[in-house]
C-alpha atoms as a PDB file:
ATOM      1  CA  MET A   1     -13.075  -9.489  22.398  1.00  0.00           C
ATOM      2  CA  LEU A   2     -12.266 -11.137  19.409  1.00  0.00           C
ATOM      3  CA  ARG A   3     -15.720 -11.144  17.907  1.00  0.00           C
ATOM      4  CA  PHE A   4     -15.646  -7.354  18.925  1.00  0.00           C
ATOM      5  CA  VAL A   5     -12.501  -6.503  17.036  1.00  0.00           C
ATOM      6  CA  CYS A   6     -13.595  -8.595  14.369  1.00  0.00           C
ATOM      7  CA  LEU A   7     -17.483  -6.400  13.749  1.00  0.00           C
ATOM      8  CA  CYS A   8     -15.457  -3.366  14.297  1.00  0.00           C
ATOM      9  CA  SER A   9     -13.122  -4.266  11.521  1.00  0.00           C
ATOM     10  CA  LEU A  10     -16.525  -5.058   9.256  1.00  0.00           C
ATOM     11  CA  VAL A  11     -17.870  -2.081  10.373  1.00  0.00           C
ATOM     12  CA  PHE A  12     -14.780   0.524   8.859  1.00  0.00           C
ATOM     13  CA  PHE A  13     -14.820  -1.859   5.623  1.00  0.00           C
ATOM     14  CA  PHE A  14     -18.390  -1.624   4.703  1.00  0.00           C
ATOM     15  CA  ALA A  15     -17.993   2.507   6.002  1.00  0.00           C
ATOM     16  CA  CYS A  16     -14.858   2.811   3.050  1.00  0.00           C
ATOM     17  CA  SER A  17     -16.553   0.775   0.401  1.00  0.00           C
ATOM     18  CA  SER A  18     -19.846   2.956   0.786  1.00  0.00           C
ATOM     19  CA  ASN A  19     -17.486   5.931   0.983  1.00  0.00           C
ATOM     20  CA  GLU A  20     -15.038   4.882  -2.562  1.00  0.00           C
ATOM     21  CA  LYS A  21     -18.641   4.251  -4.170  1.00  0.00           C
ATOM     22  CA  GLU A  22     -20.067   7.883  -3.773  1.00  0.00           C
ATOM     23  CA  GLN A  23     -15.665   9.754  -3.858  1.00  0.00           C
ATOM     24  CA  SER A  24     -15.412   7.389  -7.554  1.00  0.00           C
ATOM     25  CA  ASP A  25     -17.856   9.637  -9.150  1.00  0.00           C
ATOM     26  CA  SER A  26     -14.817  12.482  -8.460  1.00  0.00           C
ATOM     27  CA  LEU A  27     -12.183  10.472 -10.396  1.00  0.00           C
ATOM     28  CA  GLU A  28     -13.287  12.416 -13.223  1.00  0.00           C
ATOM     29  CA  HIS A  29     -11.155  14.839 -15.959  1.00  0.00           C
ATOM     30  CA  VAL A  30     -12.051  18.227 -13.962  1.00  0.00           C
ATOM     31  CA  THR A  31     -10.677  21.751 -14.329  1.00  0.00           C
ATOM     32  CA  PRO A  32      -9.089  22.450 -10.847  1.00  0.00           C
ATOM     33  CA  THR A  33      -7.865  26.410 -10.047  1.00  0.00           C
ATOM     34  CA  VAL A  34      -4.051  26.092  -9.325  1.00  0.00           C
ATOM     35  CA  GLN A  35      -2.247  29.151  -8.738  1.00  0.00           C
ATOM     36  CA  ARG A  36       1.070  28.332  -8.637  1.00  0.00           C
ATOM     37  CA  LYS A  37       3.943  29.972  -7.037  1.00  0.00           C
ATOM     38  CA  LYS A  38       6.166  32.314  -9.054  1.00  0.00           C
ATOM     39  CA  GLU A  39       9.502  30.390  -9.900  1.00  0.00           C
ATOM     40  CA  LYS A  40      12.449  31.197 -12.215  1.00  0.00           C
ATOM     41  CA  VAL A  41      11.564  30.812 -15.860  1.00  0.00           C
ATOM     42  CA  ALA A  42      14.128  27.788 -17.246  1.00  0.00           C
ATOM     43  CA  PRO A  43      15.281  28.697 -21.035  1.00  0.00           C
ATOM     44  CA  LYS A  44      12.643  27.852 -23.588  1.00  0.00           C
ATOM     45  CA  VAL A  45      13.199  24.591 -25.581  1.00  0.00           C
ATOM     46  CA  LYS A  46      11.977  23.458 -28.625  1.00  0.00           C
ATOM     47  CA  GLU A  47       8.755  22.540 -28.636  1.00  0.00           C
ATOM     48  CA  GLU A  48       7.726  19.245 -30.588  1.00  0.00           C
ATOM     49  CA  PHE A  49       4.172  18.512 -30.461  1.00  0.00           C
ATOM     50  CA  LEU A  50       2.220  15.797 -32.877  1.00  0.00           C
ATOM     51  CA  ASP A  51      -0.785  16.717 -34.614  1.00  0.00           C
ATOM     52  CA  PHE A  52      -3.894  18.000 -33.013  1.00  0.00           C
ATOM     53  CA  LEU A  53      -5.221  15.159 -30.776  1.00  0.00           C
ATOM     54  CA  THR A  54      -8.924  14.226 -31.076  1.00  0.00           C
ATOM     55  CA  THR A  55     -10.643  11.530 -29.717  1.00  0.00           C
ATOM     56  CA  GLU A  56     -10.671   9.892 -33.395  1.00  0.00           C
ATOM     57  CA  ASN A  57      -7.231  10.110 -34.346  1.00  0.00           C
ATOM     58  CA  CYS A  58      -5.526   9.931 -30.799  1.00  0.00           C
ATOM     59  CA  GLU A  59      -5.053   6.251 -30.686  1.00  0.00           C
ATOM     60  CA  ASP A  60      -2.759   5.944 -33.984  1.00  0.00           C
ATOM     61  CA  LEU A  61      -0.750   8.991 -33.106  1.00  0.00           C
ATOM     62  CA  LEU A  62      -0.454   7.764 -29.735  1.00  0.00           C
ATOM     63  CA  LEU A  63       0.781   4.525 -30.482  1.00  0.00           C
ATOM     64  CA  GLY A  64       3.172   5.457 -33.208  1.00  0.00           C
ATOM     65  CA  TYR A  65       4.649   8.184 -30.390  1.00  0.00           C
ATOM     66  CA  GLY A  66       5.138   4.916 -28.459  1.00  0.00           C
ATOM     67  CA  SER A  67       6.936   2.991 -30.841  1.00  0.00           C
ATOM     68  CA  GLU A  68       9.529   5.472 -30.664  1.00  0.00           C
ATOM     69  CA  ASN A  69       9.587   6.652 -27.246  1.00  0.00           C
ATOM     70  CA  LYS A  70       9.735   3.246 -25.132  1.00  0.00           C
ATOM     71  CA  GLU A  71      10.186   5.107 -21.852  1.00  0.00           C
ATOM     72  CA  THR A  72       8.421   2.923 -19.166  1.00  0.00           C
ATOM     73  CA  LYS A  73       9.031   4.358 -15.828  1.00  0.00           C
ATOM     74  CA  ALA A  74       7.961   8.363 -14.739  1.00  0.00           C
ATOM     75  CA  ILE A  75       9.876  10.022 -11.660  1.00  0.00           C
ATOM     76  CA  LEU A  76       7.497  12.111  -9.781  1.00  0.00           C
ATOM     77  CA  THR A  77       9.400  15.015  -7.584  1.00  0.00           C
ATOM     78  CA  THR A  78       7.088  16.839  -4.877  1.00  0.00           C
ATOM     79  CA  PRO A  79       7.673  18.980  -1.853  1.00  0.00           C
ATOM     80  CA  LEU A  80       7.284  15.865   0.344  1.00  0.00           C
ATOM     81  CA  GLY A  81       9.339  13.454  -1.933  1.00  0.00           C
ATOM     82  CA  GLU A  82       9.907  11.396  -4.775  1.00  0.00           C
ATOM     83  CA  ILE A  83       7.365   8.568  -6.406  1.00  0.00           C
ATOM     84  CA  THR A  84       8.710   6.680  -9.214  1.00  0.00           C
ATOM     85  CA  ILE A  85       5.872   4.830 -11.193  1.00  0.00           C
ATOM     86  CA  GLU A  86       6.511   2.079 -13.697  1.00  0.00           C
ATOM     87  CA  LEU A  87       4.191   2.101 -16.385  1.00  0.00           C
ATOM     88  CA  TYR A  88       2.557  -1.142 -17.912  1.00  0.00           C
ATOM     89  CA  GLU A  89       3.709  -2.124 -21.371  1.00  0.00           C
ATOM     90  CA  ASN A  90       0.093  -3.700 -22.238  1.00  0.00           C
ATOM     91  CA  THR A  91      -1.578  -0.393 -22.142  1.00  0.00           C
ATOM     92  CA  PRO A  92       0.503   1.413 -24.777  1.00  0.00           C
ATOM     93  CA  VAL A  93      -1.613   4.104 -25.401  1.00  0.00           C
ATOM     94  CA  HIS A  94      -2.262   5.408 -21.962  1.00  0.00           C
ATOM     95  CA  ARG A  95       1.381   4.929 -21.578  1.00  0.00           C
ATOM     96  CA  ALA A  96       2.247   6.739 -24.448  1.00  0.00           C
ATOM     97  CA  ASN A  97      -0.111   9.349 -23.480  1.00  0.00           C
ATOM     98  CA  PHE A  98       1.688   9.739 -20.309  1.00  0.00           C
ATOM     99  CA  VAL A  99       5.133   9.958 -21.636  1.00  0.00           C
ATOM    100  CA  TYR A 100       3.980  12.268 -24.439  1.00  0.00           C
ATOM    101  CA  LEU A 101       2.324  14.885 -21.865  1.00  0.00           C
ATOM    102  CA  THR A 102       5.737  14.349 -19.306  1.00  0.00           C
ATOM    103  CA  LYS A 103       7.918  15.259 -22.489  1.00  0.00           C
ATOM    104  CA  ARG A 104       5.670  18.412 -23.362  1.00  0.00           C
ATOM    105  CA  LYS A 105       6.075  19.226 -19.412  1.00  0.00           C
ATOM    106  CA  PHE A 106       2.368  19.014 -18.992  1.00  0.00           C
ATOM    107  CA  PHE A 107       2.129  18.153 -15.810  1.00  0.00           C
ATOM    108  CA  ASP A 108       4.904  20.336 -14.572  1.00  0.00           C
ATOM    109  CA  GLU A 109       2.239  22.874 -14.278  1.00  0.00           C
ATOM    110  CA  THR A 110      -0.478  20.963 -12.288  1.00  0.00           C
ATOM    111  CA  VAL A 111      -0.755  20.094  -8.636  1.00  0.00           C
ATOM    112  CA  PHE A 112      -2.154  17.101  -6.724  1.00  0.00           C
ATOM    113  CA  TYR A 113      -5.819  18.940  -5.676  1.00  0.00           C
ATOM    114  CA  ARG A 114      -8.011  16.114  -4.531  1.00  0.00           C
ATOM    115  CA  VAL A 115      -6.501  13.610  -1.745  1.00  0.00           C
ATOM    116  CA  ILE A 116      -8.624  11.650   0.403  1.00  0.00           C
ATOM    117  CA  ASP A 117      -6.770   9.474   2.860  1.00  0.00           C
ATOM    118  CA  THR A 118      -7.144   5.362   2.531  1.00  0.00           C
ATOM    119  CA  PHE A 119      -8.421   6.441  -0.929  1.00  0.00           C
ATOM    120  CA  MET A 120      -6.343   7.885  -3.254  1.00  0.00           C
ATOM    121  CA  ILE A 121      -4.176  11.003  -4.479  1.00  0.00           C
ATOM    122  CA  GLN A 122      -5.342  12.607  -7.689  1.00  0.00           C
ATOM    123  CA  GLY A 123      -3.352  15.298  -9.585  1.00  0.00           C
ATOM    124  CA  GLY A 124      -2.573  16.268 -13.591  1.00  0.00           C
ATOM    125  CA  ASN A 125      -4.923  19.357 -15.135  1.00  0.00           C
ATOM    126  CA  SER A 126      -5.018  22.431 -14.201  1.00  0.00           C
ATOM    127  CA  ASP A 127      -6.905  26.143 -15.579  1.00  0.00           C
ATOM    128  CA  SER A 128      -3.251  27.919 -15.621  1.00  0.00           C
ATOM    129  CA  TRP A 129      -2.809  29.747 -18.483  1.00  0.00           C
ATOM    130  CA  GLU A 130       0.209  27.923 -18.873  1.00  0.00           C
ATOM    131  CA  THR A 131      -1.772  24.681 -19.139  1.00  0.00           C
ATOM    132  CA  GLN A 132      -4.208  25.949 -21.595  1.00  0.00           C
ATOM    133  CA  ARG A 133      -1.497  27.038 -23.490  1.00  0.00           C
ATOM    134  CA  LEU A 134       0.016  23.120 -23.485  1.00  0.00           C
ATOM    135  CA  LYS A 135      -3.249  21.889 -24.088  1.00  0.00           C
ATOM    136  CA  ALA A 136      -4.602  24.104 -26.989  1.00  0.00           C
ATOM    137  CA  LYS A 137      -1.351  22.584 -28.643  1.00  0.00           C
ATOM    138  CA  ILE A 138      -1.707  19.258 -27.596  1.00  0.00           C
ATOM    139  CA  GLY A 139      -5.552  18.473 -28.605  1.00  0.00           C
ATOM    140  CA  ASN A 140      -8.900  17.648 -26.923  1.00  0.00           C
ATOM    141  CA  TYR A 141      -9.705  14.149 -27.043  1.00  0.00           C
ATOM    142  CA  LYS A 142     -10.468  11.167 -24.966  1.00  0.00           C
ATOM    143  CA  LEU A 143      -8.522   7.903 -24.123  1.00  0.00           C
ATOM    144  CA  GLN A 144     -10.022   4.501 -25.069  1.00  0.00           C
ATOM    145  CA  PRO A 145      -9.844   1.982 -21.946  1.00  0.00           C
ATOM    146  CA  GLU A 146      -7.331  -0.384 -22.242  1.00  0.00           C
ATOM    147  CA  MET A 147      -8.547  -2.542 -18.894  1.00  0.00           C
ATOM    148  CA  LYS A 148      -6.588  -5.747 -18.827  1.00  0.00           C
ATOM    149  CA  PRO A 149      -7.477  -8.871 -16.214  1.00  0.00           C
ATOM    150  CA  GLY A 150      -3.885  -8.426 -14.522  1.00  0.00           C
ATOM    151  CA  ASN A 151      -3.816  -4.529 -13.768  1.00  0.00           C
ATOM    152  CA  PHE A 152      -6.176  -3.762 -11.053  1.00  0.00           C
ATOM    153  CA  HIS A 153      -7.007  -0.866  -7.945  1.00  0.00           C
ATOM    154  CA  GLU A 154      -3.977  -2.825  -5.967  1.00  0.00           C
ATOM    155  CA  ARG A 155      -2.592  -0.161  -3.392  1.00  0.00           C
ATOM    156  CA  GLY A 156       0.370   2.153  -5.556  1.00  0.00           C
ATOM    157  CA  ALA A 157      -2.202   1.290  -8.758  1.00  0.00           C
ATOM    158  CA  LEU A 158      -1.633   4.419 -11.188  1.00  0.00           C
ATOM    159  CA  ALA A 159      -5.016   4.885 -13.585  1.00  0.00           C
ATOM    160  CA  ALA A 160      -6.492   7.494 -15.169  1.00  0.00           C
ATOM    161  CA  ALA A 161      -9.453   9.485 -14.047  1.00  0.00           C
ATOM    162  CA  ARG A 162     -12.565   9.513 -16.404  1.00  0.00           C
ATOM    163  CA  SER A 163     -16.080  11.741 -16.463  1.00  0.00           C
ATOM    164  CA  TYR A 164     -19.136   9.455 -14.600  1.00  0.00           C
ATOM    165  CA  THR A 165     -21.657  11.459 -17.335  1.00  0.00           C
ATOM    166  CA  ASP A 166     -22.194  10.652 -20.395  1.00  0.00           C
ATOM    167  CA  ASN A 167     -19.560   8.493 -21.066  1.00  0.00           C
ATOM    168  CA  PRO A 168     -20.893   4.461 -21.237  1.00  0.00           C
ATOM    169  CA  ASP A 169     -17.577   3.490 -22.648  1.00  0.00           C
ATOM    170  CA  LYS A 170     -15.713   4.649 -20.013  1.00  0.00           C
ATOM    171  CA  LEU A 171     -12.910   6.653 -22.297  1.00  0.00           C
ATOM    172  CA  SER A 172     -10.167   7.844 -19.914  1.00  0.00           C
ATOM    173  CA  SER A 173      -9.463  11.789 -19.522  1.00  0.00           C
ATOM    174  CA  PRO A 174      -5.728  11.836 -21.337  1.00  0.00           C
ATOM    175  CA  PHE A 175      -5.011  14.383 -18.103  1.00  0.00           C
ATOM    176  CA  VAL A 176      -5.831  13.317 -14.951  1.00  0.00           C
ATOM    177  CA  PHE A 177      -4.691  11.006 -13.048  1.00  0.00           C
ATOM    178  CA  TYR A 178      -4.806   9.313  -9.657  1.00  0.00           C
ATOM    179  CA  ILE A 179      -2.674   6.697  -7.434  1.00  0.00           C
ATOM    180  CA  VAL A 180      -4.732   4.580  -5.197  1.00  0.00           C
ATOM    181  CA  GLN A 181      -3.330   4.384  -1.600  1.00  0.00           C
ATOM    182  CA  ARG A 182      -5.562   2.471   0.668  1.00  0.00           C
ATOM    183  CA  GLY A 183      -4.475  -0.140   2.449  1.00  0.00           C
ATOM    184  CA  PRO A 184      -5.238  -3.836   3.538  1.00  0.00           C
ATOM    185  CA  ILE A 185      -8.956  -5.441   2.939  1.00  0.00           C
ATOM    186  CA  VAL A 186     -10.280  -8.199   5.801  1.00  0.00           C
ATOM    187  CA  PRO A 187     -11.441 -11.118   4.225  1.00  0.00           C
ATOM    188  CA  GLU A 188     -15.094 -10.645   5.244  1.00  0.00           C
ATOM    189  CA  GLY A 189     -14.817  -6.962   3.332  1.00  0.00           C
ATOM    190  CA  MET A 190     -13.940  -8.686   0.311  1.00  0.00           C
ATOM    191  CA  THR A 191     -16.817 -11.364   0.615  1.00  0.00           C
ATOM    192  CA  TRP A 192     -19.347  -8.805   1.316  1.00  0.00           C
ATOM    193  CA  MET A 193     -17.938  -6.909  -1.588  1.00  0.00           C
ATOM    194  CA  GLU A 194     -18.116  -9.490  -4.141  1.00  0.00           C
ATOM    195  CA  ARG A 195     -21.702 -10.583  -2.934  1.00  0.00           C
ATOM    196  CA  GLU A 196     -22.950  -7.006  -3.113  1.00  0.00           C
ATOM    197  CA  GLU A 197     -21.418  -6.079  -6.611  1.00  0.00           C
ATOM    198  CA  GLY A 198     -21.825  -9.320  -8.424  1.00  0.00           C
ATOM    199  CA  LYS A 199     -18.012  -9.432  -8.862  1.00  0.00           C
ATOM    200  CA  THR A 200     -15.820 -12.350  -8.518  1.00  0.00           C
ATOM    201  CA  TYR A 201     -12.032 -11.999  -8.677  1.00  0.00           C
ATOM    202  CA  ALA A 202      -9.130 -14.221  -8.920  1.00  0.00           C
ATOM    203  CA  PRO A 203      -8.094 -15.882  -6.338  1.00  0.00           C
ATOM    204  CA  GLU A 204      -4.214 -14.282  -6.318  1.00  0.00           C
ATOM    205  CA  ILE A 205      -6.196 -10.748  -6.956  1.00  0.00           C
ATOM    206  CA  ARG A 206      -8.553 -11.143  -4.400  1.00  0.00           C
ATOM    207  CA  GLN A 207      -5.986 -12.224  -1.769  1.00  0.00           C
ATOM    208  CA  HIS A 208      -3.479  -9.017  -2.669  1.00  0.00           C
ATOM    209  CA  TYR A 209      -6.165  -7.179  -1.685  1.00  0.00           C
ATOM    210  CA  ILE A 210      -6.133  -8.458   1.840  1.00  0.00           C
ATOM    211  CA  ASP A 211      -2.750  -8.502   2.048  1.00  0.00           C
ATOM    212  CA  PHE A 212      -1.625  -5.431   0.867  1.00  0.00           C
ATOM    213  CA  GLY A 213      -4.862  -3.317  -0.080  1.00  0.00           C
ATOM    214  CA  GLY A 214      -6.480  -1.118  -3.132  1.00  0.00           C
ATOM    215  CA  SER A 215      -9.837  -0.291  -4.193  1.00  0.00           C
ATOM    216  CA  PRO A 216     -11.308  -3.336  -5.976  1.00  0.00           C
ATOM    217  CA  GLY A 217     -14.202  -1.447  -5.800  1.00  0.00           C
ATOM    218  CA  LEU A 218     -12.606   0.887  -9.212  1.00  0.00           C
ATOM    219  CA  ASP A 219     -11.846  -2.346 -11.117  1.00  0.00           C
ATOM    220  CA  GLY A 220     -13.356  -2.468 -14.126  1.00  0.00           C
ATOM    221  CA  GLU A 221     -14.376   1.492 -14.491  1.00  0.00           C
ATOM    222  CA  HIS A 222     -11.253   2.608 -14.834  1.00  0.00           C
ATOM    223  CA  THR A 223      -8.209   1.838 -16.502  1.00  0.00           C
ATOM    224  CA  VAL A 224      -4.740   1.365 -14.580  1.00  0.00           C
ATOM    225  CA  PHE A 225      -1.464   1.532 -16.610  1.00  0.00           C
ATOM    226  CA  GLY A 226       1.220   1.805 -14.181  1.00  0.00           C
ATOM    227  CA  GLU A 227       1.967   0.911 -10.418  1.00  0.00           C
ATOM    228  CA  VAL A 228       4.310   2.521  -7.431  1.00  0.00           C
ATOM    229  CA  ILE A 229       7.574   0.763  -7.090  1.00  0.00           C
ATOM    230  CA  GLU A 230       9.383   3.180  -5.092  1.00  0.00           C
ATOM    231  CA  GLY A 231       8.301   6.129  -2.492  1.00  0.00           C
ATOM    232  CA  MET A 232       4.923   4.800  -1.690  1.00  0.00           C
ATOM    233  CA  ASP A 233       5.885   6.050   1.894  1.00  0.00           C
ATOM    234  CA  ILE A 234       5.679   9.558   0.064  1.00  0.00           C
ATOM    235  CA  VAL A 235       2.063   9.015  -1.389  1.00  0.00           C
ATOM    236  CA  ASP A 236       1.274   8.324   2.567  1.00  0.00           C
ATOM    237  CA  LYS A 237       2.355  11.562   3.131  1.00  0.00           C
ATOM    238  CA  ILE A 238       0.645  13.713   0.380  1.00  0.00           C
ATOM    239  CA  ALA A 239      -2.421  11.684   1.448  1.00  0.00           C
ATOM    240  CA  LYS A 240      -2.604  12.637   5.103  1.00  0.00           C
ATOM    241  CA  VAL A 241      -1.855  16.340   4.359  1.00  0.00           C
ATOM    242  CA  GLU A 242      -4.232  18.944   5.582  1.00  0.00           C
ATOM    243  CA  VAL A 243      -7.312  19.643   3.113  1.00  0.00           C
ATOM    244  CA  ASP A 244     -10.030  21.807   3.032  1.00  0.00           C
ATOM    245  CA  GLY A 245     -13.901  21.120   2.565  1.00  0.00           C
ATOM    246  CA  LYS A 246     -12.940  19.753  -1.144  1.00  0.00           C
ATOM    247  CA  ASP A 247     -10.235  17.878  -0.294  1.00  0.00           C
ATOM    248  CA  TRP A 248      -7.911  20.236  -1.656  1.00  0.00           C
ATOM    249  CA  PRO A 249      -4.441  20.322   0.175  1.00  0.00           C
ATOM    250  CA  LYS A 250      -4.130  23.748   2.504  1.00  0.00           C
ATOM    251  CA  GLU A 251      -0.433  23.917   1.322  1.00  0.00           C
ATOM    252  CA  GLU A 252       0.347  23.162  -2.483  1.00  0.00           C
ATOM    253  CA  VAL A 253       1.613  20.248  -3.489  1.00  0.00           C
ATOM    254  CA  TRP A 254       3.080  20.801  -6.442  1.00  0.00           C
ATOM    255  CA  ILE A 255       4.341  18.131  -9.554  1.00  0.00           C
ATOM    256  CA  LYS A 256       7.386  18.003 -11.760  1.00  0.00           C
ATOM    257  CA  MET A 257       7.497  15.250 -13.781  1.00  0.00           C
ATOM    258  CA  LYS A 258       9.970  13.090 -16.024  1.00  0.00           C
ATOM    259  CA  VAL A 259      10.498   9.744 -18.143  1.00  0.00           C
ATOM    260  CA  GLU A 260      13.354   7.346 -18.285  1.00  0.00           C
END
C-alpha cells in the first residue's frame, strides 16, 4: 500500500512538472481585455510621473525614485480578501518599479486574469482606456533581470512575468506579476527535477520546496522580487475560482493596491 501511495504521488508530481513547463511560456507580458465594472470616481489628484521610461533609461530613473520612496510592503485588496506582500530590497529596480506603478494607481485598473490552481495567479496590465492612458505617461520599457540566489519560486513568491519570445536576456515586463501558489513537492519529485533539468538546489532551498511548496522549474527564468507575508489563504481562494477555457476567472477578481 505504501509503495502504491508513493507511486501515485510521483505520478501527480510529474504531471504537475510537465504542466508547469508548458504553462511557463504563458507567464509573459500580455494585454488582457478587461472591462471593469463602473465605480464611483474618486476626486482627481495631481499625478507625479517620472520622465518617460524606456529600457535604456529606466534603471537609473527607478533607482533614483527608489532612493526616495523606500516602501517595502504592498497591500493588495481583492473581492476575496487582502494579501500583504514584502518587497525585497535586494531587487531595487523591481521594487521601485512596483512602488512607482502602485502610487500611480496603475494596478487599480487591472484584475487577476490568469488563474491556475496548484501553479500561480497572474495579474497586472489591461487594455482598458485608463490603463493605456497611464502607460502612455509611464513609458514603454522592460526591466533587466535581478535574479538573486536567495530569491526563489517558493509558495507565495511574487515574480515578474516576461516574454519567452526574442528575449534572450530574460527582461521582465514592468506591468505583469504573478504569485506562486503550488504546494509541497515530494522528495522523489525534487530528485527527478534536478536530474531532468540539470539543476542542483542548495539543501535549504530544496528542503523548503519539499516542506512548503513552490515552482522550482521557474527558478532562473523570472525575477522573484517579493513574497506574501499575510493572506496566502486569499491566494488559495483566488486560485480555486471557476475559470473559463483560457484560465480567466468567470467572476472578476479586481485589484486595488497600496504600498507602505
